[in-house]
């Protein structure tokens, strides 16, 4: 059996209302191929929070796991910073 390395991502919690689920926004920057302008792109990911320890504005690290529900296939690894300000 081969062990696969799980993808990890770091992002900001924008919603923690649902039970054992958080919504994390992950922002990245890309360069436009023609105009060379730096653009910000973001992705919303639903992650599993077993102990309901996250709050809105927390900076968290998540990892990919098996599908838990229709939209949830990421798991909370750690909380890097508590309660960052959300714009």
C-alpha atoms as a PDB file:
ATOM      1  CA  UNK A   1       0.000   0.000   0.000  1.00  0.00           C
ATOM      2  CA  UNK A   2       1.240   3.467  -0.827  1.00  0.00           C
ATOM      3  CA  UNK A   3       0.607   6.437   1.417  1.00  0.00           C
ATOM      4  CA  UNK A   4      -0.495   9.558  -0.393  1.00  0.00           C
ATOM      5  CA  UNK A   5       0.449  12.997   0.832  1.00  0.00           C
ATOM      6  CA  UNK A   6      -2.698  15.029   1.528  1.00  0.00           C
ATOM      7  CA  UNK A   7      -2.986  18.533   0.092  1.00  0.00           C
ATOM      8  CA  UNK A   8      -3.016  21.290   2.700  1.00  0.00           C
ATOM      9  CA  UNK A   9      -4.216  24.871   2.465  1.00  0.00           C
ATOM     10  CA  UNK A  10      -4.285  27.900   4.748  1.00  0.00           C
ATOM     11  CA  UNK A  11      -7.202  30.315   4.740  1.00  0.00           C
ATOM     12  CA  UNK A  12      -9.602  32.492   6.673  1.00  0.00           C
ATOM     13  CA  UNK A  13     -12.828  31.194   8.272  1.00  0.00           C
ATOM     14  CA  UNK A  14     -15.734  33.227   6.916  1.00  0.00           C
ATOM     15  CA  UNK A  15     -18.589  31.149   8.358  1.00  0.00           C
ATOM     16  CA  UNK A  16     -18.861  28.789  11.331  1.00  0.00           C
ATOM     17  CA  UNK A  17     -22.629  28.785  11.844  1.00  0.00           C
ATOM     18  CA  UNK A  18     -23.283  25.162  10.871  1.00  0.00           C
ATOM     19  CA  UNK A  19     -22.628  22.284  13.256  1.00  0.00           C
ATOM     20  CA  UNK A  20     -19.129  20.760  12.779  1.00  0.00           C
ATOM     21  CA  UNK A  21     -18.630  22.649   9.487  1.00  0.00           C
ATOM     22  CA  UNK A  22     -16.626  25.751   8.643  1.00  0.00           C
ATOM     23  CA  UNK A  23     -16.352  27.692   5.406  1.00  0.00           C
ATOM     24  CA  UNK A  24     -12.796  28.726   4.582  1.00  0.00           C
ATOM     25  CA  UNK A  25     -11.801  31.226   1.908  1.00  0.00           C
ATOM     26  CA  UNK A  26      -8.408  30.660   0.303  1.00  0.00           C
ATOM     27  CA  UNK A  27      -6.897  33.566  -1.634  1.00  0.00           C
ATOM     28  CA  UNK A  28      -4.116  33.313  -4.179  1.00  0.00           C
ATOM     29  CA  UNK A  29      -2.515  35.720  -6.629  1.00  0.00           C
ATOM     30  CA  UNK A  30      -1.960  35.048 -10.323  1.00  0.00           C
ATOM     31  CA  UNK A  31      -0.414  37.041 -13.120  1.00  0.00           C
ATOM     32  CA  UNK A  32      -2.561  37.695 -16.194  1.00  0.00           C
ATOM     33  CA  UNK A  33      -0.884  35.941 -19.133  1.00  0.00           C
ATOM     34  CA  UNK A  34      -1.275  38.821 -21.597  1.00  0.00           C
ATOM     35  CA  UNK A  35      -1.493  42.015 -19.532  1.00  0.00           C
ATOM     36  CA  UNK A  36       0.817  40.910 -16.669  1.00  0.00           C
ATOM     37  CA  UNK A  37      -1.435  42.429 -14.013  1.00  0.00           C
ATOM     38  CA  UNK A  38      -1.480  40.705 -10.622  1.00  0.00           C
ATOM     39  CA  UNK A  39      -4.997  39.399  -9.888  1.00  0.00           C
ATOM     40  CA  UNK A  40      -6.465  38.004  -6.669  1.00  0.00           C
ATOM     41  CA  UNK A  41      -8.483  34.821  -6.945  1.00  0.00           C
ATOM     42  CA  UNK A  42     -10.346  33.128  -4.104  1.00  0.00           C
ATOM     43  CA  UNK A  43     -11.904  29.739  -3.450  1.00  0.00           C
ATOM     44  CA  UNK A  44     -14.497  28.819  -0.813  1.00  0.00           C
ATOM     45  CA  UNK A  45     -14.014  25.405   0.788  1.00  0.00           C
ATOM     46  CA  UNK A  46     -16.209  23.613   3.331  1.00  0.00           C
ATOM     47  CA  UNK A  47     -14.173  21.831   6.015  1.00  0.00           C
ATOM     48  CA  UNK A  48     -14.976  19.501   8.911  1.00  0.00           C
ATOM     49  CA  UNK A  49     -14.488  20.948  12.417  1.00  0.00           C
ATOM     50  CA  UNK A  50     -15.118  18.083  14.856  1.00  0.00           C
ATOM     51  CA  UNK A  51     -14.988  20.088  18.121  1.00  0.00           C
ATOM     52  CA  UNK A  52     -16.645  23.303  16.813  1.00  0.00           C
ATOM     53  CA  UNK A  53     -13.575  25.251  17.978  1.00  0.00           C
ATOM     54  CA  UNK A  54     -13.310  27.701  15.062  1.00  0.00           C
ATOM     55  CA  UNK A  55     -14.925  31.126  14.929  1.00  0.00           C
ATOM     56  CA  UNK A  56     -15.341  33.677  12.148  1.00  0.00           C
ATOM     57  CA  UNK A  57     -12.041  35.367  11.321  1.00  0.00           C
ATOM     58  CA  UNK A  58      -9.710  32.558  12.443  1.00  0.00           C
ATOM     59  CA  UNK A  59      -6.710  31.723  10.271  1.00  0.00           C
ATOM     60  CA  UNK A  60      -6.724  27.914   9.851  1.00  0.00           C
ATOM     61  CA  UNK A  61      -4.855  25.124   8.104  1.00  0.00           C
ATOM     62  CA  UNK A  62      -6.959  22.402   6.465  1.00  0.00           C
ATOM     63  CA  UNK A  63      -6.096  19.165   4.668  1.00  0.00           C
ATOM     64  CA  UNK A  64      -7.862  17.120   2.042  1.00  0.00           C
ATOM     65  CA  UNK A  65      -9.610  13.948   3.222  1.00  0.00           C
ATOM     66  CA  UNK A  66     -12.243  11.493   2.080  1.00  0.00           C
ATOM     67  CA  UNK A  67     -15.653  13.001   1.210  1.00  0.00           C
ATOM     68  CA  UNK A  68     -17.671  13.554   4.385  1.00  0.00           C
ATOM     69  CA  UNK A  69     -20.726  14.985   2.631  1.00  0.00           C
ATOM     70  CA  UNK A  70     -21.696  16.306  -0.804  1.00  0.00           C
ATOM     71  CA  UNK A  71     -19.627  19.499  -0.455  1.00  0.00           C
ATOM     72  CA  UNK A  72     -17.273  18.678   2.428  1.00  0.00           C
ATOM     73  CA  UNK A  73     -13.988  16.880   1.696  1.00  0.00           C
ATOM     74  CA  UNK A  74     -11.502  18.856   3.819  1.00  0.00           C
ATOM     75  CA  UNK A  75     -10.591  18.441   7.490  1.00  0.00           C
ATOM     76  CA  UNK A  76      -9.329  20.998  10.027  1.00  0.00           C
ATOM     77  CA  UNK A  77      -5.681  20.503  11.004  1.00  0.00           C
ATOM     78  CA  UNK A  78      -4.910  23.489  13.218  1.00  0.00           C
ATOM     79  CA  UNK A  79      -5.844  27.050  14.085  1.00  0.00           C
ATOM     80  CA  UNK A  80      -2.932  29.370  13.275  1.00  0.00           C
ATOM     81  CA  UNK A  81      -4.395  32.633  14.647  1.00  0.00           C
ATOM     82  CA  UNK A  82      -7.634  33.375  16.456  1.00  0.00           C
ATOM     83  CA  UNK A  83     -10.099  36.040  15.222  1.00  0.00           C
ATOM     84  CA  UNK A  84      -8.533  37.991  12.418  1.00  0.00           C
ATOM     85  CA  UNK A  85     -10.572  40.963  11.199  1.00  0.00           C
ATOM     86  CA  UNK A  86     -12.815  40.123   8.222  1.00  0.00           C
ATOM     87  CA  UNK A  87     -13.118  42.818   5.530  1.00  0.00           C
END
